[in-house]
Amino acid sequence: DLRSIRKESRDLLLNRNLIAINQDPLGIPG
C-alpha cells in the first residue's frame, strides 16, 4: 500500500544502486 508505506521500505524500493543492478542492460540473471 503505497499510501501508508514505511519510509525505510520506500527508500529501499527507490534505491538507485539496486535498481541499476536489476535493470542491467545485459539482462543476464545471476
PDB file of all heavy atoms in Angstrom:
ATOM      1  N   ASP A   1       0.860  -1.182   0.000  1.00  0.00           N
ATOM      2  CA  ASP A   1       0.000   0.000   0.000  1.00  0.00           C
ATOM      3  C   ASP A   1       0.893   1.228   0.000  1.00  0.00           C
ATOM      4  O   ASP A   1       1.449   1.605   1.033  1.00  0.00           O
ATOM      5  CB  ASP A   1      -0.928  -0.004   1.209  1.00  0.00           C
ATOM      6  CG  ASP A   1      -2.026   1.048   1.097  1.00  0.00           C
ATOM      7  OD1 ASP A   1      -1.851   2.020   0.329  1.00  0.00           O
ATOM      8  OD2 ASP A   1      -3.064   0.916   1.779  1.00  0.00           O
ATOM      9  N   LEU A   2       1.051   1.829  -1.150  1.00  0.00           N
ATOM     10  CA  LEU A   2       1.951   2.969  -1.300  1.00  0.00           C
ATOM     11  C   LEU A   2       1.459   4.198  -0.552  1.00  0.00           C
ATOM     12  O   LEU A   2       2.213   5.151  -0.362  1.00  0.00           O
ATOM     13  CB  LEU A   2       2.129   3.302  -2.785  1.00  0.00           C
ATOM     14  CG  LEU A   2       2.742   2.189  -3.638  1.00  0.00           C
ATOM     15  CD1 LEU A   2       2.747   2.589  -5.108  1.00  0.00           C
ATOM     16  CD2 LEU A   2       4.160   1.850  -3.174  1.00  0.00           C
ATOM     17  N   ARG A   3       0.211   4.171  -0.106  1.00  0.00           N
ATOM     18  CA  ARG A   3      -0.337   5.311   0.628  1.00  0.00           C
ATOM     19  C   ARG A   3       0.122   5.342   2.076  1.00  0.00           C
ATOM     20  O   ARG A   3       0.028   6.395   2.734  1.00  0.00           O
ATOM     21  CB  ARG A   3      -1.879   5.267   0.571  1.00  0.00           C
ATOM     22  CG  ARG A   3      -2.455   5.325  -0.827  1.00  0.00           C
ATOM     23  CD  ARG A   3      -3.920   4.921  -0.869  1.00  0.00           C
ATOM     24  NE  ARG A   3      -4.136   3.547  -0.435  1.00  0.00           N
ATOM     25  CZ  ARG A   3      -5.265   2.876  -0.624  1.00  0.00           C
ATOM     26  NH1 ARG A   3      -6.288   3.459  -1.250  1.00  0.00           N
ATOM     27  NH2 ARG A   3      -5.400   1.629  -0.191  1.00  0.00           N
ATOM     28  N   SER A   4       0.598   4.214   2.594  1.00  0.00           N
ATOM     29  CA  SER A   4       0.960   4.142   4.010  1.00  0.00           C
ATOM     30  C   SER A   4       2.285   3.431   4.243  1.00  0.00           C
ATOM     31  O   SER A   4       2.576   3.016   5.363  1.00  0.00           O
ATOM     32  CB  SER A   4      -0.148   3.424   4.792  1.00  0.00           C
ATOM     33  OG  SER A   4      -0.357   2.111   4.270  1.00  0.00           O
ATOM     34  N   ILE A   5       3.104   3.291   3.224  1.00  0.00           N
ATOM     35  CA  ILE A   5       4.336   2.530   3.327  1.00  0.00           C
ATOM     36  C   ILE A   5       5.343   3.230   4.240  1.00  0.00           C
ATOM     37  O   ILE A   5       5.420   4.462   4.293  1.00  0.00           O
ATOM     38  CB  ILE A   5       4.931   2.310   1.913  1.00  0.00           C
ATOM     39  CG1 ILE A   5       6.082   1.303   1.964  1.00  0.00           C
ATOM     40  CG2 ILE A   5       5.355   3.632   1.275  1.00  0.00           C
ATOM     41  CD1 ILE A   5       6.549   0.866   0.588  1.00  0.00           C
ATOM     42  N   ARG A   6       6.122   2.439   4.973  1.00  0.00           N
ATOM     43  CA  ARG A   6       7.161   2.986   5.834  1.00  0.00           C
ATOM     44  C   ARG A   6       8.264   3.647   4.998  1.00  0.00           C
ATOM     45  O   ARG A   6       8.594   3.171   3.916  1.00  0.00           O
ATOM     46  CB  ARG A   6       7.787   1.885   6.694  1.00  0.00           C
ATOM     47  CG  ARG A   6       6.822   1.190   7.635  1.00  0.00           C
ATOM     48  CD  ARG A   6       7.534   0.110   8.436  1.00  0.00           C
ATOM     49  NE  ARG A   6       8.054  -0.955   7.576  1.00  0.00           N
ATOM     50  CZ  ARG A   6       7.366  -2.017   7.202  1.00  0.00           C
ATOM     51  NH1 ARG A   6       6.105  -2.175   7.594  1.00  0.00           N
ATOM     52  NH2 ARG A   6       7.930  -2.943   6.446  1.00  0.00           N
ATOM     53  N   LYS A   7       8.859   4.692   5.542  1.00  0.00           N
ATOM     54  CA  LYS A   7       9.907   5.411   4.807  1.00  0.00           C
ATOM     55  C   LYS A   7      11.087   4.504   4.480  1.00  0.00           C
ATOM     56  O   LYS A   7      11.631   4.556   3.368  1.00  0.00           O
ATOM     57  CB  LYS A   7      10.388   6.621   5.596  1.00  0.00           C
ATOM     58  CG  LYS A   7      11.446   7.448   4.847  1.00  0.00           C
ATOM     59  CD  LYS A   7      11.918   8.635   5.659  1.00  0.00           C
ATOM     60  CE  LYS A   7      12.895   9.496   4.850  1.00  0.00           C
ATOM     61  NZ  LYS A   7      14.090   8.753   4.384  1.00  0.00           N
ATOM     62  N   GLU A   8      11.513   3.661   5.418  1.00  0.00           N
ATOM     63  CA  GLU A   8      12.668   2.813   5.160  1.00  0.00           C
ATOM     64  C   GLU A   8      12.381   1.817   4.038  1.00  0.00           C
ATOM     65  O   GLU A   8      13.270   1.486   3.239  1.00  0.00           O
ATOM     66  CB  GLU A   8      13.097   2.078   6.433  1.00  0.00           C
ATOM     67  CG  GLU A   8      12.071   1.112   6.989  1.00  0.00           C
ATOM     68  CD  GLU A   8      12.530   0.436   8.278  1.00  0.00           C
ATOM     69  OE1 GLU A   8      13.581   0.824   8.824  1.00  0.00           O
ATOM     70  OE2 GLU A   8      11.822  -0.494   8.721  1.00  0.00           O
ATOM     71  N   SER A   9      11.133   1.358   3.925  1.00  0.00           N
ATOM     72  CA  SER A   9      10.769   0.450   2.835  1.00  0.00           C
ATOM     73  C   SER A   9      10.704   1.202   1.515  1.00  0.00           C
ATOM     74  O   SER A   9      11.165   0.697   0.479  1.00  0.00           O
ATOM     75  CB  SER A   9       9.421  -0.212   3.134  1.00  0.00           C
ATOM     76  OG  SER A   9       9.469  -0.957   4.332  1.00  0.00           O
ATOM     77  N   ARG A  10      10.132   2.390   1.546  1.00  0.00           N
ATOM     78  CA  ARG A  10      10.083   3.221   0.338  1.00  0.00           C
ATOM     79  C   ARG A  10      11.486   3.525  -0.157  1.00  0.00           C
ATOM     80  O   ARG A  10      11.785   3.415  -1.358  1.00  0.00           O
ATOM     81  CB  ARG A  10       9.324   4.519   0.629  1.00  0.00           C
ATOM     82  CG  ARG A  10       9.353   5.526  -0.512  1.00  0.00           C
ATOM     83  CD  ARG A  10       8.536   6.765  -0.147  1.00  0.00           C
ATOM     84  NE  ARG A  10       8.698   7.804  -1.148  1.00  0.00           N
ATOM     85  CZ  ARG A  10       9.638   8.749  -1.096  1.00  0.00           C
ATOM     86  NH1 ARG A  10      10.503   8.783  -0.095  1.00  0.00           N
ATOM     87  NH2 ARG A  10       9.727   9.654  -2.043  1.00  0.00           N
ATOM     88  N   ASP A  11      12.385   3.914   0.747  1.00  0.00           N
ATOM     89  CA  ASP A  11      13.752   4.246   0.345  1.00  0.00           C
ATOM     90  C   ASP A  11      14.447   3.034  -0.269  1.00  0.00           C
ATOM     91  O   ASP A  11      15.234   3.162  -1.221  1.00  0.00           O
ATOM     92  CB  ASP A  11      14.549   4.748   1.546  1.00  0.00           C
ATOM     93  CG  ASP A  11      14.093   6.121   2.028  1.00  0.00           C
ATOM     94  OD1 ASP A  11      13.347   6.800   1.279  1.00  0.00           O
ATOM     95  OD2 ASP A  11      14.459   6.505   3.154  1.00  0.00           O
ATOM     96  N   LEU A  12      14.176   1.849   0.263  1.00  0.00           N
ATOM     97  CA  LEU A  12      14.771   0.631  -0.290  1.00  0.00           C
ATOM     98  C   LEU A  12      14.268   0.371  -1.698  1.00  0.00           C
ATOM     99  O   LEU A  12      15.046   0.062  -2.603  1.00  0.00           O
ATOM    100  CB  LEU A  12      14.449  -0.549   0.627  1.00  0.00           C
ATOM    101  CG  LEU A  12      14.934  -1.927   0.182  1.00  0.00           C
ATOM    102  CD1 LEU A  12      16.449  -1.960   0.036  1.00  0.00           C
ATOM    103  CD2 LEU A  12      14.466  -2.992   1.195  1.00  0.00           C
ATOM    104  N   LEU A  13      12.976   0.488  -1.907  1.00  0.00           N
ATOM    105  CA  LEU A  13      12.403   0.263  -3.234  1.00  0.00           C
ATOM    106  C   LEU A  13      12.906   1.275  -4.252  1.00  0.00           C
ATOM    107  O   LEU A  13      12.963   0.983  -5.455  1.00  0.00           O
ATOM    108  CB  LEU A  13      10.880   0.314  -3.151  1.00  0.00           C
ATOM    109  CG  LEU A  13      10.218  -0.866  -2.432  1.00  0.00           C
ATOM    110  CD1 LEU A  13       8.800  -0.519  -2.011  1.00  0.00           C
ATOM    111  CD2 LEU A  13      10.240  -2.110  -3.312  1.00  0.00           C
ATOM    112  N   LEU A  14      13.289   2.447  -3.781  1.00  0.00           N
ATOM    113  CA  LEU A  14      13.767   3.501  -4.675  1.00  0.00           C
ATOM    114  C   LEU A  14      15.289   3.557  -4.758  1.00  0.00           C
ATOM    115  O   LEU A  14      15.837   4.466  -5.392  1.00  0.00           O
ATOM    116  CB  LEU A  14      13.240   4.859  -4.196  1.00  0.00           C
ATOM    117  CG  LEU A  14      11.731   5.071  -4.318  1.00  0.00           C
ATOM    118  CD1 LEU A  14      11.313   6.389  -3.676  1.00  0.00           C
ATOM    119  CD2 LEU A  14      11.300   5.033  -5.787  1.00  0.00           C
ATOM    120  N   ASN A  15      15.980   2.583  -4.162  1.00  0.00           N
ATOM    121  CA  ASN A  15      17.443   2.591  -4.156  1.00  0.00           C
ATOM    122  C   ASN A  15      17.983   2.471  -5.577  1.00  0.00           C
ATOM    123  O   ASN A  15      17.819   1.441  -6.239  1.00  0.00           O
ATOM    124  CB  ASN A  15      17.966   1.443  -3.286  1.00  0.00           C
ATOM    125  CG  ASN A  15      19.466   1.468  -3.115  1.00  0.00           C
ATOM    126  OD1 ASN A  15      20.211   1.321  -4.069  1.00  0.00           O
ATOM    127  ND2 ASN A  15      19.900   1.660  -1.885  1.00  0.00           N
ATOM    128  N   ARG A  16      18.615   3.518  -6.040  1.00  0.00           N
ATOM    129  CA  ARG A  16      19.066   3.570  -7.440  1.00  0.00           C
ATOM    130  C   ARG A  16      20.138   2.534  -7.741  1.00  0.00           C
ATOM    131  O   ARG A  16      20.229   2.037  -8.870  1.00  0.00           O
ATOM    132  CB  ARG A  16      19.592   4.968  -7.760  1.00  0.00           C
ATOM    133  CG  ARG A  16      18.553   6.073  -7.604  1.00  0.00           C
ATOM    134  CD  ARG A  16      17.651   6.157  -8.807  1.00  0.00           C
ATOM    135  NE  ARG A  16      16.634   7.188  -8.648  1.00  0.00           N
ATOM    136  CZ  ARG A  16      15.986   7.754  -9.665  1.00  0.00           C
ATOM    137  NH1 ARG A  16      16.238   7.376 -10.902  1.00  0.00           N
ATOM    138  NH2 ARG A  16      15.064   8.672  -9.445  1.00  0.00           N
ATOM    139  N   ASN A  17      20.977   2.222  -6.760  1.00  0.00           N
ATOM    140  CA  ASN A  17      22.030   1.235  -7.000  1.00  0.00           C
ATOM    141  C   ASN A  17      21.454  -0.160  -7.221  1.00  0.00           C
ATOM    142  O   ASN A  17      21.894  -0.898  -8.118  1.00  0.00           O
ATOM    143  CB  ASN A  17      23.001   1.225  -5.823  1.00  0.00           C
ATOM    144  CG  ASN A  17      23.731   2.539  -5.650  1.00  0.00           C
ATOM    145  OD1 ASN A  17      24.261   3.094  -6.599  1.00  0.00           O
ATOM    146  ND2 ASN A  17      23.750   3.063  -4.432  1.00  0.00           N
ATOM    147  N   LEU A  18      20.450  -0.531  -6.426  1.00  0.00           N
ATOM    148  CA  LEU A  18      19.814  -1.836  -6.599  1.00  0.00           C
ATOM    149  C   LEU A  18      19.019  -1.896  -7.897  1.00  0.00           C
ATOM    150  O   LEU A  18      19.042  -2.909  -8.610  1.00  0.00           O
ATOM    151  CB  LEU A  18      18.904  -2.131  -5.413  1.00  0.00           C
ATOM    152  CG  LEU A  18      19.604  -2.314  -4.066  1.00  0.00           C
ATOM    153  CD1 LEU A  18      18.582  -2.439  -2.956  1.00  0.00           C
ATOM    154  CD2 LEU A  18      20.504  -3.520  -4.087  1.00  0.00           C
ATOM    155  N   ILE A  19      18.312  -0.812  -8.203  1.00  0.00           N
ATOM    156  CA  ILE A  19      17.552  -0.771  -9.459  1.00  0.00           C
ATOM    157  C   ILE A  19      18.492  -0.898 -10.645  1.00  0.00           C
ATOM    158  O   ILE A  19      18.193  -1.593 -11.623  1.00  0.00           O
ATOM    159  CB  ILE A  19      16.710   0.513  -9.530  1.00  0.00           C
ATOM    160  CG1 ILE A  19      15.578   0.452  -8.492  1.00  0.00           C
ATOM    161  CG2 ILE A  19      16.129   0.708 -10.928  1.00  0.00           C
ATOM    162  CD1 ILE A  19      14.803   1.747  -8.346  1.00  0.00           C
ATOM    163  N   ALA A  20      19.659  -0.269 -10.563  1.00  0.00           N
ATOM    164  CA  ALA A  20      20.619  -0.348 -11.671  1.00  0.00           C
ATOM    165  C   ALA A  20      21.094  -1.787 -11.889  1.00  0.00           C
ATOM    166  O   ALA A  20      21.280  -2.226 -13.035  1.00  0.00           O
ATOM    167  CB  ALA A  20      21.809   0.569 -11.404  1.00  0.00           C
ATOM    168  N   ILE A  21      21.302  -2.530 -10.796  1.00  0.00           N
ATOM    169  CA  ILE A  21      21.680  -3.941 -10.946  1.00  0.00           C
ATOM    170  C   ILE A  21      20.549  -4.714 -11.603  1.00  0.00           C
ATOM    171  O   ILE A  21      20.756  -5.472 -12.561  1.00  0.00           O
ATOM    172  CB  ILE A  21      22.040  -4.545  -9.579  1.00  0.00           C
ATOM    173  CG1 ILE A  21      23.302  -3.891  -9.007  1.00  0.00           C
ATOM    174  CG2 ILE A  21      22.244  -6.060  -9.704  1.00  0.00           C
ATOM    175  CD1 ILE A  21      23.575  -4.256  -7.561  1.00  0.00           C
ATOM    176  N   ASN A  22      19.330  -4.525 -11.097  1.00  0.00           N
ATOM    177  CA  ASN A  22      18.181  -5.233 -11.658  1.00  0.00           C
ATOM    178  C   ASN A  22      17.980  -4.910 -13.130  1.00  0.00           C
ATOM    179  O   ASN A  22      17.667  -5.784 -13.941  1.00  0.00           O
ATOM    180  CB  ASN A  22      16.924  -4.882 -10.869  1.00  0.00           C
ATOM    181  CG  ASN A  22      15.679  -5.505 -11.437  1.00  0.00           C
ATOM    182  OD1 ASN A  22      14.958  -4.890 -12.213  1.00  0.00           O
ATOM    183  ND2 ASN A  22      15.418  -6.748 -11.066  1.00  0.00           N
ATOM    184  N   GLN A  23      18.165  -3.647 -13.488  1.00  0.00           N
ATOM    185  CA  GLN A  23      17.885  -3.189 -14.847  1.00  0.00           C
ATOM    186  C   GLN A  23      19.097  -3.239 -15.764  1.00  0.00           C
ATOM    187  O   GLN A  23      19.096  -2.623 -16.830  1.00  0.00           O
ATOM    188  CB  GLN A  23      17.351  -1.755 -14.795  1.00  0.00           C
ATOM    189  CG  GLN A  23      16.020  -1.624 -14.062  1.00  0.00           C
ATOM    190  CD  GLN A  23      14.882  -2.221 -14.854  1.00  0.00           C
ATOM    191  OE1 GLN A  23      14.508  -1.725 -15.913  1.00  0.00           O
ATOM    192  NE2 GLN A  23      14.319  -3.316 -14.345  1.00  0.00           N
ATOM    193  N   ASP A  24      20.115  -3.966 -15.366  1.00  0.00           N
ATOM    194  CA  ASP A  24      21.335  -4.007 -16.176  1.00  0.00           C
ATOM    195  C   ASP A  24      21.022  -4.429 -17.608  1.00  0.00           C
ATOM    196  O   ASP A  24      20.314  -5.421 -17.830  1.00  0.00           O
ATOM    197  CB  ASP A  24      22.349  -4.978 -15.571  1.00  0.00           C
ATOM    198  CG  ASP A  24      23.678  -4.913 -16.283  1.00  0.00           C
ATOM    199  OD1 ASP A  24      24.453  -3.996 -15.993  1.00  0.00           O
ATOM    200  OD2 ASP A  24      23.911  -5.775 -17.174  1.00  0.00           O
ATOM    201  N   PRO A  25      21.522  -3.693 -18.607  1.00  0.00           N
ATOM    202  CA  PRO A  25      21.125  -3.966 -19.993  1.00  0.00           C
ATOM    203  C   PRO A  25      21.587  -5.301 -20.546  1.00  0.00           C
ATOM    204  O   PRO A  25      21.031  -5.767 -21.546  1.00  0.00           O
ATOM    205  CB  PRO A  25      21.753  -2.799 -20.766  1.00  0.00           C
ATOM    206  CG  PRO A  25      22.838  -2.278 -19.893  1.00  0.00           C
ATOM    207  CD  PRO A  25      22.363  -2.490 -18.494  1.00  0.00           C
ATOM    208  N   LEU A  26      22.572  -5.948 -19.929  1.00  0.00           N
ATOM    209  CA  LEU A  26      22.965  -7.272 -20.417  1.00  0.00           C
ATOM    210  C   LEU A  26      21.839  -8.280 -20.235  1.00  0.00           C
ATOM    211  O   LEU A  26      21.742  -9.246 -20.996  1.00  0.00           O
ATOM    212  CB  LEU A  26      24.221  -7.759 -19.687  1.00  0.00           C
ATOM    213  CG  LEU A  26      25.516  -6.989 -19.933  1.00  0.00           C
ATOM    214  CD1 LEU A  26      26.656  -7.602 -19.117  1.00  0.00           C
ATOM    215  CD2 LEU A  26      25.872  -6.952 -21.412  1.00  0.00           C
ATOM    216  N   GLY A  27      21.031  -8.097 -19.211  1.00  0.00           N
ATOM    217  CA  GLY A  27      19.882  -8.982 -18.990  1.00  0.00           C
ATOM    218  C   GLY A  27      20.246 -10.411 -18.644  1.00  0.00           C
ATOM    219  O   GLY A  27      19.480 -11.338 -18.923  1.00  0.00           O
ATOM    220  N   ILE A  28      21.399 -10.611 -17.993  1.00  0.00           N
ATOM    221  CA  ILE A  28      21.844 -11.960 -17.629  1.00  0.00           C
ATOM    222  C   ILE A  28      21.476 -12.228 -16.177  1.00  0.00           C
ATOM    223  O   ILE A  28      21.954 -11.537 -15.279  1.00  0.00           O
ATOM    224  CB  ILE A  28      23.365 -12.120 -17.807  1.00  0.00           C
ATOM    225  CG1 ILE A  28      23.779 -11.788 -19.243  1.00  0.00           C
ATOM    226  CG2 ILE A  28      23.807 -13.525 -17.428  1.00  0.00           C
ATOM    227  CD1 ILE A  28      25.286 -11.734 -19.436  1.00  0.00           C
ATOM    228  N   PRO A  29      20.626 -13.207 -15.884  1.00  0.00           N
ATOM    229  CA  PRO A  29      20.276 -13.493 -14.484  1.00  0.00           C
ATOM    230  C   PRO A  29      21.468 -14.045 -13.719  1.00  0.00           C
ATOM    231  O   PRO A  29      22.340 -14.728 -14.272  1.00  0.00           O
ATOM    232  CB  PRO A  29      19.175 -14.551 -14.589  1.00  0.00           C
ATOM    233  CG  PRO A  29      18.730 -14.532 -16.008  1.00  0.00           C
ATOM    234  CD  PRO A  29      19.898 -14.084 -16.810  1.00  0.00           C
ATOM    235  N   GLY A  30      21.482 -13.770 -12.422  1.00  0.00           N
ATOM    236  CA  GLY A  30      22.502 -14.337 -11.569  1.00  0.00           C
ATOM    237  C   GLY A  30      22.156 -15.735 -11.103  1.00  0.00           C
ATOM    238  O   GLY A  30      21.040 -16.230 -11.312  1.00  0.00           O
TER     239      GLY A  30
END
